Amino acid sequence: MKKSKNLLQKITFVSGAISFILSIVCMVWLFIRYQSQGLNDPISVSIMASIFFFICVGGVMVVITKTNIPDFNIKTNSQEKG
């Protein structure tokens, strides 16, 4: 029995994908900055922290999307019969 995903889970998946894309953008930015400044620059270190943050956030959001969240609606007797 496959259950369709909630709207918020779909939004979470898109947010996770955007987070992974931002981590790739930060990696490219770090590579370009590494050519001119090196890794001793404080901005380069903060870009590395941003890469780590975006990868972790993207991973958590994708895991949230893949879970099967149960329906917590309270059902009355008339809803159970029909």
PDB file of N, CA and C in Angstrom:
ATOM      1  N   MET A   1       0.851  -1.175   0.000  1.00  0.00           N
ATOM      2  CA  MET A   1       0.000   0.000   0.000  1.00  0.00           C
ATOM      3  C   MET A   1       0.897   1.238   0.000  1.00  0.00           C
ATOM      4  N   LYS A   2       0.920   1.902  -1.126  1.00  0.00           N
ATOM      5  CA  LYS A   2       1.752   3.100  -1.246  1.00  0.00           C
ATOM      6  C   LYS A   2       0.901   4.321  -0.959  1.00  0.00           C
ATOM      7  N   LYS A   3       1.399   5.139  -0.069  1.00  0.00           N
ATOM      8  CA  LYS A   3       0.674   6.325   0.349  1.00  0.00           C
ATOM      9  C   LYS A   3       1.280   7.547  -0.327  1.00  0.00           C
ATOM     10  N   SER A   4       0.432   8.448  -0.800  1.00  0.00           N
ATOM     11  CA  SER A   4       0.956   9.655  -1.439  1.00  0.00           C
ATOM     12  C   SER A   4       1.561  10.575  -0.379  1.00  0.00           C
ATOM     13  N   LYS A   5       2.527  11.337  -0.803  1.00  0.00           N
ATOM     14  CA  LYS A   5       3.228  12.223   0.122  1.00  0.00           C
ATOM     15  C   LYS A   5       2.412  13.483   0.376  1.00  0.00           C
ATOM     16  N   ASN A   6       2.572  14.006   1.560  1.00  0.00           N
ATOM     17  CA  ASN A   6       1.918  15.228   1.984  1.00  0.00           C
ATOM     18  C   ASN A   6       2.533  16.417   1.230  1.00  0.00           C
ATOM     19  N   LEU A   7       1.793  17.505   1.138  1.00  0.00           N
ATOM     20  CA  LEU A   7       2.297  18.700   0.464  1.00  0.00           C
ATOM     21  C   LEU A   7       3.553  19.221   1.143  1.00  0.00           C
ATOM     22  N   LEU A   8       3.589  19.199   2.459  1.00  0.00           N
ATOM     23  CA  LEU A   8       4.769  19.678   3.170  1.00  0.00           C
ATOM     24  C   LEU A   8       5.984  18.794   2.920  1.00  0.00           C
ATOM     25  N   GLN A   9       5.771  17.488   2.708  1.00  0.00           N
ATOM     26  CA  GLN A   9       6.889  16.612   2.385  1.00  0.00           C
ATOM     27  C   GLN A   9       7.429  16.924   0.988  1.00  0.00           C
ATOM     28  N   LYS A  10       6.559  17.280   0.073  1.00  0.00           N
ATOM     29  CA  LYS A  10       7.015  17.659  -1.269  1.00  0.00           C
ATOM     30  C   LYS A  10       7.804  18.964  -1.219  1.00  0.00           C
ATOM     31  N   ILE A  11       7.339  19.906  -0.413  1.00  0.00           N
ATOM     32  CA  ILE A  11       8.067  21.172  -0.253  1.00  0.00           C
ATOM     33  C   ILE A  11       9.418  20.912   0.409  1.00  0.00           C
ATOM     34  N   THR A  12       9.460  19.994   1.365  1.00  0.00           N
ATOM     35  CA  THR A  12      10.702  19.650   2.033  1.00  0.00           C
ATOM     36  C   THR A  12      11.698  19.024   1.063  1.00  0.00           C
ATOM     37  N   PHE A  13      11.196  18.197   0.147  1.00  0.00           N
ATOM     38  CA  PHE A  13      12.086  17.588  -0.842  1.00  0.00           C
ATOM     39  C   PHE A  13      12.696  18.654  -1.755  1.00  0.00           C
ATOM     40  N   VAL A  14      11.884  19.614  -2.171  1.00  0.00           N
ATOM     41  CA  VAL A  14      12.396  20.702  -3.016  1.00  0.00           C
ATOM     42  C   VAL A  14      13.424  21.523  -2.247  1.00  0.00           C
ATOM     43  N   SER A  15      13.156  21.781  -0.973  1.00  0.00           N
ATOM     44  CA  SER A  15      14.116  22.527  -0.148  1.00  0.00           C
ATOM     45  C   SER A  15      15.426  21.762   0.017  1.00  0.00           C
ATOM     46  N   GLY A  16      15.338  20.452   0.165  1.00  0.00           N
ATOM     47  CA  GLY A  16      16.547  19.636   0.255  1.00  0.00           C
ATOM     48  C   GLY A  16      17.347  19.659  -1.035  1.00  0.00           C
ATOM     49  N   ALA A  17      16.652  19.608  -2.162  1.00  0.00           N
ATOM     50  CA  ALA A  17      17.348  19.675  -3.448  1.00  0.00           C
ATOM     51  C   ALA A  17      18.020  21.031  -3.632  1.00  0.00           C
ATOM     52  N   ILE A  18      17.335  22.097  -3.237  1.00  0.00           N
ATOM     53  CA  ILE A  18      17.933  23.435  -3.316  1.00  0.00           C
ATOM     54  C   ILE A  18      19.154  23.522  -2.408  1.00  0.00           C
ATOM     55  N   SER A  19      19.095  22.889  -1.251  1.00  0.00           N
ATOM     56  CA  SER A  19      20.228  22.901  -0.334  1.00  0.00           C
ATOM     57  C   SER A  19      21.436  22.183  -0.939  1.00  0.00           C
ATOM     58  N   PHE A  20      21.209  21.047  -1.612  1.00  0.00           N
ATOM     59  CA  PHE A  20      22.306  20.352  -2.279  1.00  0.00           C
ATOM     60  C   PHE A  20      22.885  21.198  -3.418  1.00  0.00           C
ATOM     61  N   ILE A  21      22.032  21.895  -4.147  1.00  0.00           N
ATOM     62  CA  ILE A  21      22.497  22.768  -5.223  1.00  0.00           C
ATOM     63  C   ILE A  21      23.344  23.905  -4.653  1.00  0.00           C
ATOM     64  N   LEU A  22      22.905  24.475  -3.533  1.00  0.00           N
ATOM     65  CA  LEU A  22      23.682  25.545  -2.898  1.00  0.00           C
ATOM     66  C   LEU A  22      25.039  25.045  -2.406  1.00  0.00           C
ATOM     67  N   SER A  23      25.096  23.802  -1.959  1.00  0.00           N
ATOM     68  CA  SER A  23      26.393  23.263  -1.538  1.00  0.00           C
ATOM     69  C   SER A  23      27.333  23.115  -2.732  1.00  0.00           C
ATOM     70  N   ILE A  24      26.792  22.742  -3.882  1.00  0.00           N
ATOM     71  CA  ILE A  24      27.622  22.647  -5.085  1.00  0.00           C
ATOM     72  C   ILE A  24      28.103  24.027  -5.514  1.00  0.00           C
ATOM     73  N   VAL A  25      27.222  25.024  -5.425  1.00  0.00           N
ATOM     74  CA  VAL A  25      27.618  26.394  -5.757  1.00  0.00           C
ATOM     75  C   VAL A  25      28.729  26.865  -4.822  1.00  0.00           C
ATOM     76  N   CYS A  26      28.615  26.547  -3.540  1.00  0.00           N
ATOM     77  CA  CYS A  26      29.664  26.925  -2.588  1.00  0.00           C
ATOM     78  C   CYS A  26      30.976  26.206  -2.878  1.00  0.00           C
ATOM     79  N   MET A  27      30.890  24.954  -3.341  1.00  0.00           N
ATOM     80  CA  MET A  27      32.110  24.233  -3.694  1.00  0.00           C
ATOM     81  C   MET A  27      32.817  24.902  -4.872  1.00  0.00           C
ATOM     82  N   VAL A  28      32.051  25.319  -5.873  1.00  0.00           N
ATOM     83  CA  VAL A  28      32.649  26.012  -7.016  1.00  0.00           C
ATOM     84  C   VAL A  28      33.251  27.335  -6.570  1.00  0.00           C
ATOM     85  N   TRP A  29      32.521  28.053  -5.722  1.00  0.00           N
ATOM     86  CA  TRP A  29      33.008  29.334  -5.208  1.00  0.00           C
ATOM     87  C   TRP A  29      34.305  29.146  -4.415  1.00  0.00           C
ATOM     88  N   LEU A  30      34.358  28.079  -3.607  1.00  0.00           N
ATOM     89  CA  LEU A  30      35.567  27.802  -2.836  1.00  0.00           C
ATOM     90  C   LEU A  30      36.734  27.465  -3.754  1.00  0.00           C
ATOM     91  N   PHE A  31      36.472  26.699  -4.804  1.00  0.00           N
ATOM     92  CA  PHE A  31      37.542  26.348  -5.734  1.00  0.00           C
ATOM     93  C   PHE A  31      38.110  27.594  -6.410  1.00  0.00           C
ATOM     94  N   ILE A  32      37.227  28.505  -6.814  1.00  0.00           N
ATOM     95  CA  ILE A  32      37.680  29.743  -7.446  1.00  0.00           C
ATOM     96  C   ILE A  32      38.460  30.593  -6.447  1.00  0.00           C
ATOM     97  N   ARG A  33      37.966  30.670  -5.234  1.00  0.00           N
ATOM     98  CA  ARG A  33      38.632  31.482  -4.212  1.00  0.00           C
ATOM     99  C   ARG A  33      39.956  30.860  -3.780  1.00  0.00           C
ATOM    100  N   TYR A  34      40.020  29.530  -3.786  1.00  0.00           N
ATOM    101  CA  TYR A  34      41.248  28.836  -3.404  1.00  0.00           C
ATOM    102  C   TYR A  34      42.392  29.181  -4.362  1.00  0.00           C
ATOM    103  N   GLN A  35      42.058  29.385  -5.624  1.00  0.00           N
ATOM    104  CA  GLN A  35      43.088  29.709  -6.612  1.00  0.00           C
ATOM    105  C   GLN A  35      43.783  31.036  -6.294  1.00  0.00           C
ATOM    106  N   SER A  36      43.030  31.997  -5.760  1.00  0.00           N
ATOM    107  CA  SER A  36      43.615  33.322  -5.521  1.00  0.00           C
ATOM    108  C   SER A  36      44.000  33.567  -4.057  1.00  0.00           C
ATOM    109  N   GLN A  37      43.229  33.074  -3.105  1.00  0.00           N
ATOM    110  CA  GLN A  37      43.452  33.408  -1.700  1.00  0.00           C
ATOM    111  C   GLN A  37      44.022  32.256  -0.871  1.00  0.00           C
ATOM    112  N   GLY A  38      43.726  31.043  -1.227  1.00  0.00           N
ATOM    113  CA  GLY A  38      44.159  29.901  -0.427  1.00  0.00           C
ATOM    114  C   GLY A  38      43.130  29.560   0.641  1.00  0.00           C
ATOM    115  N   LEU A  39      43.471  28.581   1.476  1.00  0.00           N
ATOM    116  CA  LEU A  39      42.543  28.139   2.511  1.00  0.00           C
ATOM    117  C   LEU A  39      42.748  28.849   3.843  1.00  0.00           C
ATOM    118  N   ASN A  40      43.752  29.692   3.964  1.00  0.00           N
ATOM    119  CA  ASN A  40      44.002  30.397   5.223  1.00  0.00           C
ATOM    120  C   ASN A  40      43.130  31.633   5.392  1.00  0.00           C
ATOM    121  N   ASP A  41      42.424  32.011   4.359  1.00  0.00           N
ATOM    122  CA  ASP A  41      41.553  33.180   4.409  1.00  0.00           C
ATOM    123  C   ASP A  41      40.290  32.839   5.219  1.00  0.00           C
ATOM    124  N   PRO A  42      39.821  33.726   6.103  1.00  0.00           N
ATOM    125  CA  PRO A  42      38.617  33.434   6.898  1.00  0.00           C
ATOM    126  C   PRO A  42      37.361  33.228   6.056  1.00  0.00           C
ATOM    127  N   ILE A  43      37.286  33.877   4.917  1.00  0.00           N
ATOM    128  CA  ILE A  43      36.105  33.691   4.062  1.00  0.00           C
ATOM    129  C   ILE A  43      36.098  32.283   3.468  1.00  0.00           C
ATOM    130  N   SER A  44      37.263  31.762   3.122  1.00  0.00           N
ATOM    131  CA  SER A  44      37.340  30.394   2.598  1.00  0.00           C
ATOM    132  C   SER A  44      36.886  29.381   3.647  1.00  0.00           C
ATOM    133  N   VAL A  45      37.258  29.630   4.885  1.00  0.00           N
ATOM    134  CA  VAL A  45      36.845  28.731   5.968  1.00  0.00           C
ATOM    135  C   VAL A  45      35.332  28.809   6.174  1.00  0.00           C
ATOM    136  N   SER A  46      34.761  29.995   6.068  1.00  0.00           N
ATOM    137  CA  SER A  46      33.312  30.110   6.228  1.00  0.00           C
ATOM    138  C   SER A  46      32.563  29.478   5.052  1.00  0.00           C
ATOM    139  N   ILE A  47      33.166  29.496   3.876  1.00  0.00           N
ATOM    140  CA  ILE A  47      32.547  28.810   2.735  1.00  0.00           C
ATOM    141  C   ILE A  47      32.557  27.302   2.969  1.00  0.00           C
ATOM    142  N   MET A  48      33.647  26.776   3.536  1.00  0.00           N
ATOM    143  CA  MET A  48      33.686  25.349   3.865  1.00  0.00           C
ATOM    144  C   MET A  48      32.614  24.996   4.902  1.00  0.00           C
ATOM    145  N   ALA A  49      32.403  25.868   5.866  1.00  0.00           N
ATOM    146  CA  ALA A  49      31.350  25.634   6.859  1.00  0.00           C
ATOM    147  C   ALA A  49      29.976  25.667   6.198  1.00  0.00           C
ATOM    148  N   SER A  50      29.797  26.539   5.223  1.00  0.00           N
ATOM    149  CA  SER A  50      28.530  26.603   4.503  1.00  0.00           C
ATOM    150  C   SER A  50      28.286  25.332   3.703  1.00  0.00           C
ATOM    151  N   ILE A  51      29.340  24.798   3.109  1.00  0.00           N
ATOM    152  CA  ILE A  51      29.207  23.539   2.361  1.00  0.00           C
ATOM    153  C   ILE A  51      28.748  22.426   3.293  1.00  0.00           C
ATOM    154  N   PHE A  52      29.388  22.320   4.443  1.00  0.00           N
ATOM    155  CA  PHE A  52      29.008  21.299   5.421  1.00  0.00           C
ATOM    156  C   PHE A  52      27.557  21.490   5.871  1.00  0.00           C
ATOM    157  N   PHE A  53      27.160  22.726   6.138  1.00  0.00           N
ATOM    158  CA  PHE A  53      25.801  23.013   6.584  1.00  0.00           C
ATOM    159  C   PHE A  53      24.778  22.620   5.525  1.00  0.00           C
ATOM    160  N   PHE A  54      25.001  23.028   4.281  1.00  0.00           N
ATOM    161  CA  PHE A  54      24.029  22.740   3.231  1.00  0.00           C
ATOM    162  C   PHE A  54      23.910  21.247   2.947  1.00  0.00           C
ATOM    163  N   ILE A  55      25.021  20.515   3.019  1.00  0.00           N
ATOM    164  CA  ILE A  55      24.955  19.070   2.805  1.00  0.00           C
ATOM    165  C   ILE A  55      24.162  18.403   3.933  1.00  0.00           C
ATOM    166  N   CYS A  56      24.402  18.797   5.172  1.00  0.00           N
ATOM    167  CA  CYS A  56      23.677  18.202   6.303  1.00  0.00           C
ATOM    168  C   CYS A  56      22.191  18.532   6.260  1.00  0.00           C
ATOM    169  N   VAL A  57      21.857  19.779   5.966  1.00  0.00           N
ATOM    170  CA  VAL A  57      20.442  20.175   5.895  1.00  0.00           C
ATOM    171  C   VAL A  57      19.747  19.441   4.760  1.00  0.00           C
ATOM    172  N   GLY A  58      20.404  19.339   3.605  1.00  0.00           N
ATOM    173  CA  GLY A  58      19.816  18.612   2.480  1.00  0.00           C
ATOM    174  C   GLY A  58      19.585  17.151   2.808  1.00  0.00           C
ATOM    175  N   GLY A  59      20.538  16.528   3.490  1.00  0.00           N
ATOM    176  CA  GLY A  59      20.377  15.132   3.875  1.00  0.00           C
ATOM    177  C   GLY A  59      19.216  14.912   4.824  1.00  0.00           C
ATOM    178  N   VAL A  60      19.091  15.780   5.809  1.00  0.00           N
ATOM    179  CA  VAL A  60      17.984  15.655   6.767  1.00  0.00           C
ATOM    180  C   VAL A  60      16.636  15.854   6.070  1.00  0.00           C
ATOM    181  N   MET A  61      16.566  16.824   5.186  1.00  0.00           N
ATOM    182  CA  MET A  61      15.293  17.083   4.499  1.00  0.00           C
ATOM    183  C   MET A  61      14.903  15.944   3.571  1.00  0.00           C
ATOM    184  N   VAL A  62      15.861  15.315   2.911  1.00  0.00           N
ATOM    185  CA  VAL A  62      15.540  14.180   2.047  1.00  0.00           C
ATOM    186  C   VAL A  62      15.079  12.985   2.886  1.00  0.00           C
ATOM    187  N   VAL A  63      15.694  12.781   4.044  1.00  0.00           N
ATOM    188  CA  VAL A  63      15.261  11.688   4.919  1.00  0.00           C
ATOM    189  C   VAL A  63      13.846  11.935   5.426  1.00  0.00           C
ATOM    190  N   ILE A  64      13.522  13.181   5.775  1.00  0.00           N
ATOM    191  CA  ILE A  64      12.163  13.507   6.204  1.00  0.00           C
ATOM    192  C   ILE A  64      11.166  13.228   5.089  1.00  0.00           C
ATOM    193  N   THR A  65      11.562  13.492   3.854  1.00  0.00           N
ATOM    194  CA  THR A  65      10.669  13.270   2.723  1.00  0.00           C
ATOM    195  C   THR A  65      10.404  11.789   2.506  1.00  0.00           C
ATOM    196  N   LYS A  66      11.378  10.941   2.742  1.00  0.00           N
ATOM    197  CA  LYS A  66      11.244   9.509   2.454  1.00  0.00           C
ATOM    198  C   LYS A  66      10.475   8.735   3.522  1.00  0.00           C
ATOM    199  N   THR A  67      10.203   9.336   4.675  1.00  0.00           N
ATOM    200  CA  THR A  67       9.495   8.610   5.732  1.00  0.00           C
ATOM    201  C   THR A  67       8.006   8.537   5.436  1.00  0.00           C
ATOM    202  N   ASN A  68       7.365   7.540   5.985  1.00  0.00           N
ATOM    203  CA  ASN A  68       5.915   7.396   5.887  1.00  0.00           C
ATOM    204  C   ASN A  68       5.290   7.944   7.162  1.00  0.00           C
ATOM    205  N   ILE A  69       4.737   9.125   7.060  1.00  0.00           N
ATOM    206  CA  ILE A  69       4.128   9.762   8.214  1.00  0.00           C
ATOM    207  C   ILE A  69       2.686   9.277   8.329  1.00  0.00           C
ATOM    208  N   PRO A  70       2.286   8.758   9.502  1.00  0.00           N
ATOM    209  CA  PRO A  70       0.920   8.247   9.640  1.00  0.00           C
ATOM    210  C   PRO A  70      -0.103   9.376   9.690  1.00  0.00           C
ATOM    211  N   ASP A  71      -1.348   8.997   9.467  1.00  0.00           N
ATOM    212  CA  ASP A  71      -2.452   9.954   9.524  1.00  0.00           C
ATOM    213  C   ASP A  71      -2.900  10.055  10.974  1.00  0.00           C
ATOM    214  N   PHE A  72      -2.798  11.249  11.556  1.00  0.00           N
ATOM    215  CA  PHE A  72      -3.159  11.446  12.949  1.00  0.00           C
ATOM    216  C   PHE A  72      -4.558  12.052  13.120  1.00  0.00           C
ATOM    217  N   ASN A  73      -5.369  12.016  12.084  1.00  0.00           N
ATOM    218  CA  ASN A  73      -6.728  12.545  12.203  1.00  0.00           C
ATOM    219  C   ASN A  73      -7.553  11.649  13.118  1.00  0.00           C
ATOM    220  N   ILE A  74      -8.387  12.266  13.948  1.00  0.00           N
ATOM    221  CA  ILE A  74      -9.261  11.530  14.844  1.00  0.00           C
ATOM    222  C   ILE A  74     -10.517  11.160  14.067  1.00  0.00           C
ATOM    223  N   LYS A  75     -10.811   9.875  14.026  1.00  0.00           N
ATOM    224  CA  LYS A  75     -11.959   9.398  13.266  1.00  0.00           C
ATOM    225  C   LYS A  75     -13.119   9.132  14.222  1.00  0.00           C
ATOM    226  N   THR A  76     -14.275   9.619  13.830  1.00  0.00           N
ATOM    227  CA  THR A  76     -15.488   9.348  14.604  1.00  0.00           C
ATOM    228  C   THR A  76     -16.155   8.101  14.073  1.00  0.00           C
ATOM    229  N   ASN A  77     -17.199   7.630  14.758  1.00  0.00           N
ATOM    230  CA  ASN A  77     -17.890   6.409  14.338  1.00  0.00           C
ATOM    231  C   ASN A  77     -18.521   6.559  12.959  1.00  0.00           C
ATOM    232  N   SER A  78     -19.051   7.742  12.632  1.00  0.00           N
ATOM    233  CA  SER A  78     -19.693   7.914  11.324  1.00  0.00           C
ATOM    234  C   SER A  78     -18.655   7.889  10.196  1.00  0.00           C
ATOM    235  N   GLN A  79     -17.437   8.321  10.455  1.00  0.00           N
ATOM    236  CA  GLN A  79     -16.392   8.299   9.431  1.00  0.00           C
ATOM    237  C   GLN A  79     -15.853   6.883   9.232  1.00  0.00           C
ATOM    238  N   GLU A  80     -15.859   6.077  10.288  1.00  0.00           N
ATOM    239  CA  GLU A  80     -15.325   4.719  10.180  1.00  0.00           C
ATOM    240  C   GLU A  80     -16.255   3.823   9.374  1.00  0.00           C
ATOM    241  N   LYS A  81     -17.588   4.045   9.448  1.00  0.00           N
ATOM    242  CA  LYS A  81     -18.537   3.212   8.733  1.00  0.00           C
ATOM    243  C   LYS A  81     -18.537   3.487   7.234  1.00  0.00           C
ATOM    244  N   GLY A  82     -18.374   4.756   6.858  1.00  0.00           N
ATOM    245  CA  GLY A  82     -18.494   5.144   5.433  1.00  0.00           C
ATOM    246  C   GLY A  82     -17.232   5.090   4.768  1.00  0.00           C
TER     247      GLY A  82
END
